[in-house]
Amino acid sequence: MTRLRQASAWRKKNESTTNDETRKVKFRHSAFVIVSSFVIRTSSFLFSAIFPTALQAEENVSVLGSKPKWSVLEKYQETITHDEFNRLIHDVYCTHGFASNLIEVSAKTAHVLIDRDSQKFFTLRFAVNDAGRKPAPHLWRPAKSLSPARADKPLVGLKVVLDPGHLGGKWAKMEERWFQVDKSRPVQEGDLTFRVARLLAPRLREFGAKVSLIRSGGEPVTAKRPDDFRELARKILIKNGVPLPREDVLDPNDPAKEQTIRWQSEILFYRYSEIRRRAALVNLKLHPDLVLCLHFNAEGWGEPTHPTLTDTNHFHLLVNGSYLAEELEFDDQRFEMIRRLLSRAYDEELPLADMIALTMARETGLPAYEYPTTNSTTKVGMSGYVYARNLLATRLYRCPVIYCEPYVMNSNDAFVRIQAGDYEGTRLINGVERKSIFREYADSVAEGLVDYYSKARARGD
């Protein structure tokens, strides 16, 4: 998931001001951008557009991104009609609008800006009608293309990657996804999600799925470490008005820590380098039909060694979409959005997310989370639990992605259940006989997958 701020905000990815790649304020077409404050450990000095190696100002790409290969989109010519493209771009992907000089849709074509300086565009030709529409190419397989479901193995042949969110162990404090009440067991999200993944994997295999975990423990997937980004962090801070940035964080309560090299290099490591490396594994090696991103949610908890617990508890799920207009200014995000739209991943994601949401609601009894504003999200589907949002993982993984956000870790109920650990059967927790929170999570997701693929495969649509 998305870092704790001391005063007020641990609203994991639930802030109203930005999406995953944070809103830029100035230097729009520079390689470095000052951005506004955003969820967990994204500072007012973090950048949104850099070219990671040469630091070339002319590259208009997002954090550690690379120049898009627009020629890849040629394989999608005439795979979508005007009406379908128009529906997806307005109702799912660009619900906050987009600049007409970036994307222009006409009756027969869509023109997407490739290069601002040369005013070069990619032209997508629409299919004349549904009958003349060519199949959209992709490596993942929709449910309807799988063989009919077997009663005992409803997931047979399905390739699933489990992505336990964040890092565990010694890395948890760096990400500030860690808190501890008195001498209780520390709550570390990366460890919690990995425990769920280890329970969910054998359940899915029992139903016939081929399952891979994107990480095998609490260690990072990326080979990079914060020190690898120190020089880049220094250049970014200098570019953004900190001429002599401090090397280290001297006081964790000092708001100026965001202007230190250490702070910025850690963000580059654990968020951007780590997630991009996970995406490379998914896209270039694992080639799944589905990625399940497993997370826990939280409310603001203040000081992590004296955290605030709350009665609030809820859950929601995310699929990719709802790009901010300013995010689309970046060449790579605009390209990735168009590629994802054309792949039709959303057509598989949404009904699956709705089905998982219903089984999780039934199993957990939790209400749906309601975002305080719609500035960065759009509610989609029929369940009331699913939102579209532009997160790095949901954008980069080139297959359907369901991003799960159940339980408020620092709620009174979830905290007691987390402290109880994993166990078989049920126990009396807070006056109610309950499964372990980890098994409840895993079982509800597995049940949702079984329900969806059993029905979708059986009817062949």
Protein backbone atom coordinates (compact mmCIF):
# COMPACT_ATOMS: atom_id res chain seq x y z
CA MET A 1 0.00 0.00 0.00
CA THR A 2 0.82 3.67 0.04
CA ARG A 3 4.05 6.79 4.70
CA LEU A 4 2.98 7.98 7.99
CA ARG A 5 2.88 11.72 8.66
CA GLN A 6 3.25 12.64 12.33
CA ALA A 7 0.50 15.18 12.63
CA SER A 8 -2.51 14.04 10.71
CA ALA A 9 -2.34 11.83 7.74
CA TRP A 10 -2.07 8.21 7.43
CA ARG A 11 -4.80 7.83 4.88
CA LYS A 12 -3.14 5.16 2.85
CA LYS A 13 -3.69 6.16 -0.72
CA ASN A 14 -6.92 7.73 0.38
CA GLU A 15 -5.90 11.36 0.16
CA SER A 16 -8.09 13.48 -2.05
CA THR A 17 -5.33 15.49 -3.70
CA THR A 18 -3.37 13.03 -5.77
CA ASN A 19 -3.04 9.61 -7.26
CA ASP A 20 -0.02 7.35 -7.07
CA GLU A 21 2.43 9.62 -8.84
CA THR A 22 1.59 12.83 -6.98
CA ARG A 23 0.43 16.11 -8.39
CA LYS A 24 3.03 18.42 -9.84
CA VAL A 25 3.00 22.15 -9.16
CA LYS A 26 5.64 23.61 -11.44
CA PHE A 27 8.39 22.74 -13.94
CA ARG A 28 5.76 20.76 -15.82
CA HIS A 29 8.05 19.70 -18.64
CA SER A 30 11.25 19.56 -16.70
CA ALA A 31 12.98 16.39 -15.58
CA PHE A 32 12.35 17.50 -12.00
CA VAL A 33 9.10 18.57 -10.44
CA ILE A 34 8.09 19.91 -7.06
CA VAL A 35 4.91 18.19 -6.01
CA SER A 36 2.31 18.67 -3.38
CA SER A 37 2.17 16.56 -0.26
CA PHE A 38 0.52 13.17 -0.68
CA VAL A 39 -0.28 10.15 1.43
CA ILE A 40 2.38 8.17 3.20
CA ARG A 41 5.89 9.52 3.07
CA THR A 42 5.52 11.45 -0.12
CA SER A 43 7.01 14.83 0.57
CA SER A 44 6.53 18.29 -0.80
CA PHE A 45 9.95 17.98 -2.41
CA LEU A 46 9.49 14.66 -4.12
CA PHE A 47 9.55 14.82 -7.89
CA SER A 48 7.15 13.38 -10.43
CA ALA A 49 9.19 13.42 -13.60
CA ILE A 50 12.76 12.27 -13.98
CA PHE A 51 14.90 10.44 -16.46
CA PRO A 52 16.78 8.06 -14.18
CA THR A 53 20.12 7.69 -15.91
CA ALA A 54 21.09 10.75 -17.87
CA LEU A 55 18.72 13.14 -16.05
CA GLN A 56 17.80 14.70 -19.34
CA ALA A 57 15.38 17.57 -18.93
CA GLU A 58 13.73 16.89 -22.28
CA GLU A 59 12.38 13.54 -21.11
CA ASN A 60 8.84 14.02 -19.85
CA VAL A 61 8.37 10.81 -17.89
CA SER A 62 7.33 10.00 -14.33
CA VAL A 63 9.41 8.69 -11.44
CA LEU A 64 12.10 6.28 -12.69
CA GLY A 65 10.06 5.85 -15.84
CA SER A 66 11.39 5.43 -19.36
CA LYS A 67 10.49 6.80 -22.75
CA PRO A 68 7.45 4.93 -24.10
CA LYS A 69 7.58 2.78 -27.22
CA TRP A 70 4.59 4.14 -29.07
CA SER A 71 5.02 1.68 -31.95
CA VAL A 72 3.70 -1.05 -29.62
CA LEU A 73 0.24 0.46 -29.99
CA GLU A 74 0.16 -0.33 -33.72
CA LYS A 75 -0.95 -3.87 -32.91
CA TYR A 76 -4.19 -2.43 -31.51
CA GLN A 77 -5.31 -0.85 -34.78
CA GLU A 78 -8.99 -1.53 -35.49
CA THR A 79 -9.42 -3.58 -32.29
CA ILE A 80 -11.89 -1.16 -30.72
CA THR A 81 -14.87 0.82 -31.96
CA HIS A 82 -15.32 4.54 -31.45
CA ASP A 83 -18.18 4.00 -29.00
CA GLU A 84 -16.26 1.53 -26.84
CA PHE A 85 -13.16 3.73 -26.78
CA ASN A 86 -15.27 6.74 -25.89
CA ARG A 87 -17.00 4.87 -23.07
CA LEU A 88 -13.77 3.63 -21.53
CA ILE A 89 -11.91 6.90 -21.76
CA HIS A 90 -14.72 8.99 -20.29
CA ASP A 91 -16.26 6.55 -17.79
CA VAL A 92 -13.14 4.72 -16.55
CA TYR A 93 -9.76 6.15 -17.42
CA CYS A 94 -10.20 9.91 -17.83
CA THR A 95 -13.11 10.61 -15.53
CA HIS A 96 -11.46 13.88 -14.45
CA GLY A 97 -11.10 15.06 -18.04
CA PHE A 98 -8.07 15.50 -20.27
CA ALA A 99 -6.52 18.23 -22.35
CA SER A 100 -7.69 18.27 -25.96
CA ASN A 101 -4.11 18.76 -27.12
CA LEU A 102 -3.17 15.40 -25.57
CA ILE A 103 -5.99 13.18 -26.83
CA GLU A 104 -8.39 14.04 -29.63
CA VAL A 105 -11.19 11.65 -30.51
CA SER A 106 -13.01 11.82 -33.83
CA ALA A 107 -15.49 9.49 -35.48
CA LYS A 108 -12.88 7.25 -37.09
CA THR A 109 -9.68 7.83 -35.15
CA ALA A 110 -8.11 8.91 -31.87
CA HIS A 111 -4.96 11.05 -31.93
CA VAL A 112 -2.67 10.73 -28.91
CA LEU A 113 0.23 13.13 -28.39
CA ILE A 114 3.66 11.50 -28.62
CA ASP A 115 5.96 14.52 -28.57
CA ARG A 116 4.97 18.03 -27.61
CA ASP A 117 7.89 19.83 -29.23
CA SER A 118 7.47 18.20 -32.64
CA GLN A 119 3.68 17.91 -32.29
CA LYS A 120 3.87 14.28 -33.27
CA PHE A 121 0.81 12.09 -32.65
CA PHE A 122 -0.04 8.42 -32.64
CA THR A 123 -3.18 7.75 -34.68
CA LEU A 124 -5.43 4.92 -33.60
CA ARG A 125 -7.89 3.71 -36.21
CA PHE A 126 -11.23 2.51 -34.86
CA ALA A 127 -13.02 -0.60 -36.05
CA VAL A 128 -16.04 0.32 -38.15
CA ASN A 129 -18.35 -1.86 -36.05
CA ASP A 130 -18.30 -4.77 -33.61
CA ALA A 131 -18.38 -7.31 -36.41
CA GLY A 132 -15.27 -5.81 -38.00
CA ARG A 133 -13.34 -5.47 -34.79
CA LYS A 134 -10.03 -7.33 -34.63
CA PRO A 135 -9.13 -9.19 -31.41
CA ALA A 136 -7.10 -7.16 -28.93
CA PRO A 137 -3.71 -8.83 -28.41
CA HIS A 138 -2.48 -9.62 -24.91
CA LEU A 139 -0.64 -12.44 -23.13
CA TRP A 140 -3.17 -12.84 -20.32
CA ARG A 141 -6.26 -14.95 -20.88
CA PRO A 142 -9.77 -13.81 -20.00
CA ALA A 143 -12.06 -16.24 -18.23
CA LYS A 144 -14.09 -16.87 -21.38
CA SER A 145 -11.00 -18.20 -23.19
CA LEU A 146 -10.30 -20.85 -20.54
CA SER A 147 -11.79 -24.30 -20.80
CA PRO A 148 -15.11 -24.88 -18.99
CA ALA A 149 -14.72 -25.05 -15.23
CA ARG A 150 -14.52 -28.40 -13.47
CA ALA A 151 -16.56 -28.69 -10.30
CA ASP A 152 -13.54 -29.79 -8.26
CA LYS A 153 -10.99 -27.53 -10.00
CA PRO A 154 -12.77 -24.29 -10.98
CA LEU A 155 -9.44 -22.44 -11.34
CA VAL A 156 -7.59 -25.09 -13.33
CA GLY A 157 -5.12 -23.52 -15.78
CA LEU A 158 -5.48 -20.01 -14.36
CA LYS A 159 -2.13 -18.28 -13.77
CA VAL A 160 -2.22 -16.00 -10.72
CA VAL A 161 0.51 -13.82 -9.23
CA LEU A 162 0.14 -12.76 -5.60
CA ASP A 163 1.76 -9.42 -4.82
CA PRO A 164 2.02 -8.98 -1.03
CA GLY A 165 2.17 -5.21 -0.65
CA HIS A 166 5.26 -3.46 0.71
CA LEU A 167 8.25 -4.90 2.51
CA GLY A 168 8.53 -6.59 5.85
CA GLY A 169 11.09 -7.08 8.59
CA LYS A 170 13.73 -4.39 8.91
CA TRP A 171 12.28 -2.38 6.03
CA ALA A 172 8.89 -1.74 7.68
CA LYS A 173 10.04 1.24 9.72
CA MET A 174 11.64 2.86 6.67
CA GLU A 175 8.33 2.72 4.85
CA GLU A 176 6.58 3.81 8.06
CA ARG A 177 4.13 0.98 7.77
CA TRP A 178 4.90 0.02 11.34
CA PHE A 179 3.35 0.81 14.71
CA GLN A 180 3.44 -0.69 18.19
CA VAL A 181 1.10 -0.36 21.16
CA ASP A 182 3.10 -0.55 24.40
CA LYS A 183 4.94 -3.90 24.37
CA SER A 184 2.58 -5.64 21.97
CA ARG A 185 3.72 -7.30 18.79
CA PRO A 186 4.61 -4.60 16.22
CA VAL A 187 2.17 -4.26 13.34
CA GLN A 188 4.07 -4.30 10.04
CA GLU A 189 1.99 -4.28 6.90
CA GLY A 190 4.54 -6.01 4.68
CA ASP A 191 4.64 -8.97 7.05
CA LEU A 192 0.86 -9.11 7.32
CA THR A 193 0.35 -9.18 3.56
CA PHE A 194 2.99 -11.88 3.13
CA ARG A 195 1.23 -14.04 5.71
CA VAL A 196 -2.03 -13.67 3.79
CA ALA A 197 -0.28 -14.57 0.53
CA ARG A 198 1.17 -17.73 2.04
CA LEU A 199 -2.31 -18.82 3.12
CA LEU A 200 -4.01 -17.81 -0.12
CA ALA A 201 -1.54 -19.54 -2.47
CA PRO A 202 -2.31 -23.14 -1.40
CA ARG A 203 -6.03 -22.44 -1.40
CA LEU A 204 -5.89 -21.30 -5.02
CA ARG A 205 -3.68 -24.25 -5.96
CA GLU A 206 -6.23 -26.64 -4.46
CA PHE A 207 -8.72 -25.24 -6.96
CA GLY A 208 -6.30 -25.81 -9.84
CA ALA A 209 -4.63 -22.39 -10.26
CA LYS A 210 -0.95 -21.96 -10.99
CA VAL A 211 0.22 -19.50 -8.33
CA SER A 212 3.42 -17.45 -7.98
CA LEU A 213 4.38 -15.06 -5.19
CA ILE A 214 6.19 -11.97 -6.36
CA ARG A 215 8.36 -11.96 -3.24
CA SER A 216 9.49 -14.87 -1.10
CA GLY A 217 9.85 -13.01 2.20
CA GLY A 218 10.39 -9.55 3.63
CA GLU A 219 13.31 -8.65 1.40
CA PRO A 220 12.97 -6.30 -1.60
CA VAL A 221 12.59 -7.64 -5.11
CA THR A 222 14.74 -4.86 -6.54
CA ALA A 223 18.52 -5.22 -6.28
CA LYS A 224 18.79 -1.48 -5.66
CA ARG A 225 19.10 0.04 -2.21
CA PRO A 226 18.61 3.59 -0.91
CA ASP A 227 22.33 4.40 -1.23
CA ASP A 228 22.09 3.74 -4.96
CA PHE A 229 19.81 6.79 -5.25
CA ARG A 230 21.65 9.29 -3.04
CA GLU A 231 23.22 11.26 -5.86
CA LEU A 232 19.96 11.35 -7.78
CA ALA A 233 18.14 12.47 -4.63
CA ARG A 234 20.70 15.25 -4.13
CA LYS A 235 20.23 16.54 -7.68
CA ILE A 236 16.47 16.47 -7.32
CA LEU A 237 16.54 18.47 -4.10
CA ILE A 238 18.94 21.04 -5.54
CA LYS A 239 16.79 21.37 -8.64
CA ASN A 240 13.77 21.95 -6.42
CA GLY A 241 15.18 24.77 -4.36
CA VAL A 242 17.28 23.09 -1.66
CA PRO A 243 20.81 24.26 -2.62
CA LEU A 244 22.60 22.49 0.25
CA PRO A 245 20.47 19.45 1.17
CA ARG A 246 21.29 17.69 4.43
CA GLU A 247 22.62 14.17 4.12
CA ASP A 248 20.64 12.54 6.91
CA VAL A 249 17.48 12.75 8.99
CA LEU A 250 18.55 14.06 12.40
CA ASP A 251 15.12 14.15 14.03
CA PRO A 252 12.24 11.94 12.81
CA ASN A 253 9.78 14.59 14.02
CA ASP A 254 11.41 17.38 11.98
CA PRO A 255 9.21 18.25 8.96
CA ALA A 256 12.37 19.39 7.16
CA LYS A 257 13.47 15.76 7.02
CA GLU A 258 11.69 15.63 3.68
CA GLN A 259 14.46 17.83 2.32
CA THR A 260 17.20 15.37 3.22
CA ILE A 261 19.01 13.08 0.81
CA ARG A 262 18.27 10.08 2.95
CA TRP A 263 14.52 10.67 2.92
CA GLN A 264 14.31 11.10 -0.82
CA SER A 265 16.64 8.21 -1.66
CA GLU A 266 14.54 5.88 0.49
CA ILE A 267 11.39 6.81 -1.39
CA LEU A 268 13.13 6.15 -4.69
CA PHE A 269 14.13 2.74 -3.40
CA TYR A 270 11.09 1.31 -1.66
CA ARG A 271 8.33 2.80 -3.75
CA TYR A 272 9.48 3.40 -7.29
CA SER A 273 12.40 1.04 -7.81
CA GLU A 274 10.69 -1.79 -5.94
CA ILE A 275 7.33 -1.55 -7.69
CA ARG A 276 8.89 -1.12 -11.12
CA ARG A 277 11.02 -4.22 -10.53
CA ARG A 278 7.93 -6.18 -9.52
CA ALA A 279 6.25 -5.02 -12.71
CA ALA A 280 9.21 -6.22 -14.77
CA LEU A 281 8.88 -9.69 -13.24
CA VAL A 282 5.14 -9.79 -13.91
CA ASN A 283 5.37 -8.54 -17.48
CA LEU A 284 8.56 -10.20 -18.72
CA LYS A 285 8.80 -13.45 -16.78
CA LEU A 286 5.62 -14.56 -15.02
CA HIS A 287 2.98 -13.57 -17.62
CA PRO A 288 -0.05 -14.20 -15.38
CA ASP A 289 -3.74 -13.97 -16.22
CA LEU A 290 -4.31 -12.01 -13.01
CA VAL A 291 -2.37 -10.17 -10.30
CA LEU A 292 -3.81 -9.85 -6.79
CA CYS A 293 -2.21 -6.98 -4.86
CA LEU A 294 -2.70 -7.71 -1.16
CA HIS A 295 -2.73 -4.80 1.30
CA PHE A 296 -4.16 -3.68 4.62
CA ASN A 297 -5.60 -0.22 5.14
CA ALA A 298 -5.18 2.24 8.03
CA GLU A 299 -6.43 5.51 9.46
CA GLY A 300 -4.20 8.24 10.85
CA TRP A 301 -2.39 6.84 13.87
CA GLY A 302 -0.02 9.66 14.85
CA GLU A 303 3.16 8.68 16.69
CA PRO A 304 3.98 5.05 15.74
CA THR A 305 5.25 4.20 19.23
CA HIS A 306 2.10 5.68 20.81
CA PRO A 307 -0.44 5.10 18.05
CA THR A 308 -4.07 6.12 18.04
CA LEU A 309 -6.54 3.27 17.66
CA THR A 310 -9.94 3.91 16.14
CA ASP A 311 -13.35 2.28 15.98
CA THR A 312 -13.40 2.85 12.22
CA ASN A 313 -13.03 -0.29 10.09
CA HIS A 314 -13.81 -0.79 6.41
CA PHE A 315 -12.52 -2.12 3.09
CA HIS A 316 -12.44 -1.38 -0.62
CA LEU A 317 -10.88 -2.69 -3.81
CA LEU A 318 -9.15 -0.81 -6.61
CA VAL A 319 -8.77 -1.28 -10.35
CA ASN A 320 -6.81 0.93 -12.69
CA GLY A 321 -8.40 4.12 -13.99
CA SER A 322 -9.42 7.63 -12.93
CA TYR A 323 -6.22 9.29 -14.17
CA LEU A 324 -5.74 12.91 -13.21
CA ALA A 325 -5.53 15.36 -16.09
CA GLU A 326 -2.06 16.44 -14.95
CA GLU A 327 -0.85 12.83 -14.78
CA LEU A 328 -1.68 12.47 -18.44
CA GLU A 329 0.82 15.23 -19.20
CA PHE A 330 3.56 12.65 -18.67
CA ASP A 331 4.36 10.75 -21.85
CA ASP A 332 4.78 7.39 -20.13
CA GLN A 333 1.56 7.58 -18.13
CA ARG A 334 -0.42 8.65 -21.18
CA PHE A 335 1.07 5.74 -23.14
CA GLU A 336 0.47 3.23 -20.35
CA MET A 337 -3.12 4.36 -19.95
CA ILE A 338 -3.88 4.01 -23.66
CA ARG A 339 -2.22 0.59 -23.81
CA ARG A 340 -4.19 -0.58 -20.80
CA LEU A 341 -7.45 0.75 -22.21
CA LEU A 342 -6.85 -1.03 -25.50
CA SER A 343 -5.92 -4.32 -23.81
CA ARG A 344 -9.47 -4.48 -22.31
CA ALA A 345 -8.09 -5.48 -18.90
CA TYR A 346 -10.89 -3.45 -17.31
CA ASP A 347 -13.56 -5.70 -18.82
CA GLU A 348 -12.06 -8.59 -16.84
CA GLU A 349 -11.09 -6.61 -13.74
CA LEU A 350 -14.39 -5.02 -12.89
CA PRO A 351 -16.71 -8.06 -12.70
CA LEU A 352 -13.98 -9.99 -10.87
CA ALA A 353 -13.42 -7.15 -8.39
CA ASP A 354 -17.16 -6.90 -7.79
CA MET A 355 -17.36 -10.64 -7.11
CA ILE A 356 -14.41 -10.58 -4.68
CA ALA A 357 -15.90 -7.52 -2.99
CA LEU A 358 -19.19 -9.34 -2.38
CA THR A 359 -17.49 -12.39 -0.89
CA MET A 360 -15.25 -10.21 1.29
CA ALA A 361 -18.23 -8.19 2.49
CA ARG A 362 -20.06 -11.39 3.38
CA GLU A 363 -17.05 -12.91 5.14
CA THR A 364 -15.76 -9.82 6.97
CA GLY A 365 -18.99 -7.91 7.60
CA LEU A 366 -17.11 -4.68 6.90
CA PRO A 367 -18.72 -1.62 5.29
CA ALA A 368 -17.38 -0.03 2.12
CA TYR A 369 -14.82 2.72 2.48
CA GLU A 370 -15.99 6.04 1.10
CA TYR A 371 -13.31 8.35 -0.26
CA PRO A 372 -13.75 11.85 1.21
CA THR A 373 -13.71 13.37 -2.27
CA THR A 374 -13.72 12.12 -5.84
CA ASN A 375 -10.65 14.14 -6.84
CA SER A 376 -8.54 11.05 -7.51
CA THR A 377 -10.97 8.15 -7.66
CA THR A 378 -14.15 7.05 -9.39
CA LYS A 379 -16.53 4.48 -7.95
CA VAL A 380 -17.18 1.74 -10.48
CA GLY A 381 -19.13 -1.49 -10.65
CA MET A 382 -22.24 -2.62 -8.83
CA SER A 383 -20.96 -3.78 -5.43
CA GLY A 384 -20.26 -0.34 -3.94
CA TYR A 385 -16.78 -1.42 -2.83
CA VAL A 386 -14.74 -0.91 -6.01
CA TYR A 387 -12.96 2.25 -7.15
CA ALA A 388 -10.89 3.09 -10.19
CA ARG A 389 -7.60 4.80 -9.36
CA ASN A 390 -4.24 5.31 -11.04
CA LEU A 391 -1.69 3.48 -8.89
CA LEU A 392 1.74 2.49 -10.10
CA ALA A 393 1.19 -1.26 -9.79
CA THR A 394 -2.28 -1.28 -11.35
CA ARG A 395 -0.94 0.78 -14.24
CA LEU A 396 2.29 -1.11 -14.93
CA TYR A 397 1.16 -4.73 -14.60
CA ARG A 398 0.02 -5.68 -18.10
CA CYS A 399 -2.88 -7.89 -17.10
CA PRO A 400 -5.99 -7.58 -14.95
CA VAL A 401 -5.08 -6.38 -11.45
CA ILE A 402 -7.26 -6.43 -8.33
CA TYR A 403 -5.87 -4.27 -5.52
CA CYS A 404 -7.31 -5.32 -2.15
CA GLU A 405 -7.55 -2.90 0.79
CA PRO A 406 -9.42 -4.66 3.61
CA TYR A 407 -9.29 -3.89 7.33
CA VAL A 408 -8.07 -0.79 9.13
CA MET A 409 -4.93 -2.08 10.86
CA ASN A 410 -5.16 0.44 13.69
CA SER A 411 -8.85 -0.13 14.30
CA ASN A 412 -9.63 -1.57 17.71
CA ASP A 413 -11.11 -4.69 16.14
CA ALA A 414 -8.40 -5.40 13.55
CA PHE A 415 -5.58 -4.65 16.00
CA VAL A 416 -6.80 -7.28 18.47
CA ARG A 417 -7.22 -9.79 15.65
CA ILE A 418 -3.72 -9.08 14.31
CA GLN A 419 -2.30 -9.56 17.79
CA ALA A 420 -4.07 -12.91 18.02
CA GLY A 421 -2.01 -14.13 15.05
CA ASP A 422 -2.98 -17.00 12.78
CA TYR A 423 -4.87 -20.04 14.05
CA GLU A 424 -7.10 -22.82 12.79
CA GLY A 425 -10.83 -22.81 13.33
CA THR A 426 -12.34 -19.93 15.29
CA ARG A 427 -11.65 -18.11 18.54
CA LEU A 428 -13.61 -15.69 20.64
CA ILE A 429 -12.26 -12.29 19.54
CA ASN A 430 -13.91 -9.12 20.81
CA GLY A 431 -16.88 -11.20 21.94
CA VAL A 432 -17.38 -12.90 18.54
CA GLU A 433 -16.25 -16.30 17.25
CA ARG A 434 -13.95 -15.40 14.35
CA LYS A 435 -11.44 -16.98 12.03
CA SER A 436 -7.97 -15.55 12.15
CA ILE A 437 -7.92 -12.26 10.26
CA PHE A 438 -5.40 -13.75 7.83
CA ARG A 439 -7.51 -16.78 6.99
CA GLU A 440 -10.64 -14.69 6.71
CA TYR A 441 -8.82 -12.48 4.20
CA ALA A 442 -7.44 -15.41 2.20
CA ASP A 443 -10.67 -17.40 2.23
CA SER A 444 -12.81 -14.51 1.06
CA VAL A 445 -10.50 -13.70 -1.87
CA ALA A 446 -10.30 -17.36 -2.87
CA GLU A 447 -14.07 -17.71 -2.70
CA GLY A 448 -14.50 -14.67 -4.91
CA LEU A 449 -12.17 -16.10 -7.55
CA VAL A 450 -13.94 -19.45 -7.48
CA ASP A 451 -17.36 -17.83 -7.84
CA TYR A 452 -16.25 -15.64 -10.72
CA TYR A 453 -14.33 -18.18 -12.78
CA SER A 454 -16.86 -20.96 -12.19
CA LYS A 455 -19.61 -18.85 -13.70
CA ALA A 456 -17.59 -17.06 -16.40
CA ARG A 457 -16.00 -20.24 -17.70
CA ALA A 458 -19.15 -22.32 -17.56
CA ARG A 459 -21.21 -19.93 -19.64
CA GLY A 460 -18.34 -18.96 -21.94
CA ASP A 461 -18.93 -15.21 -21.89
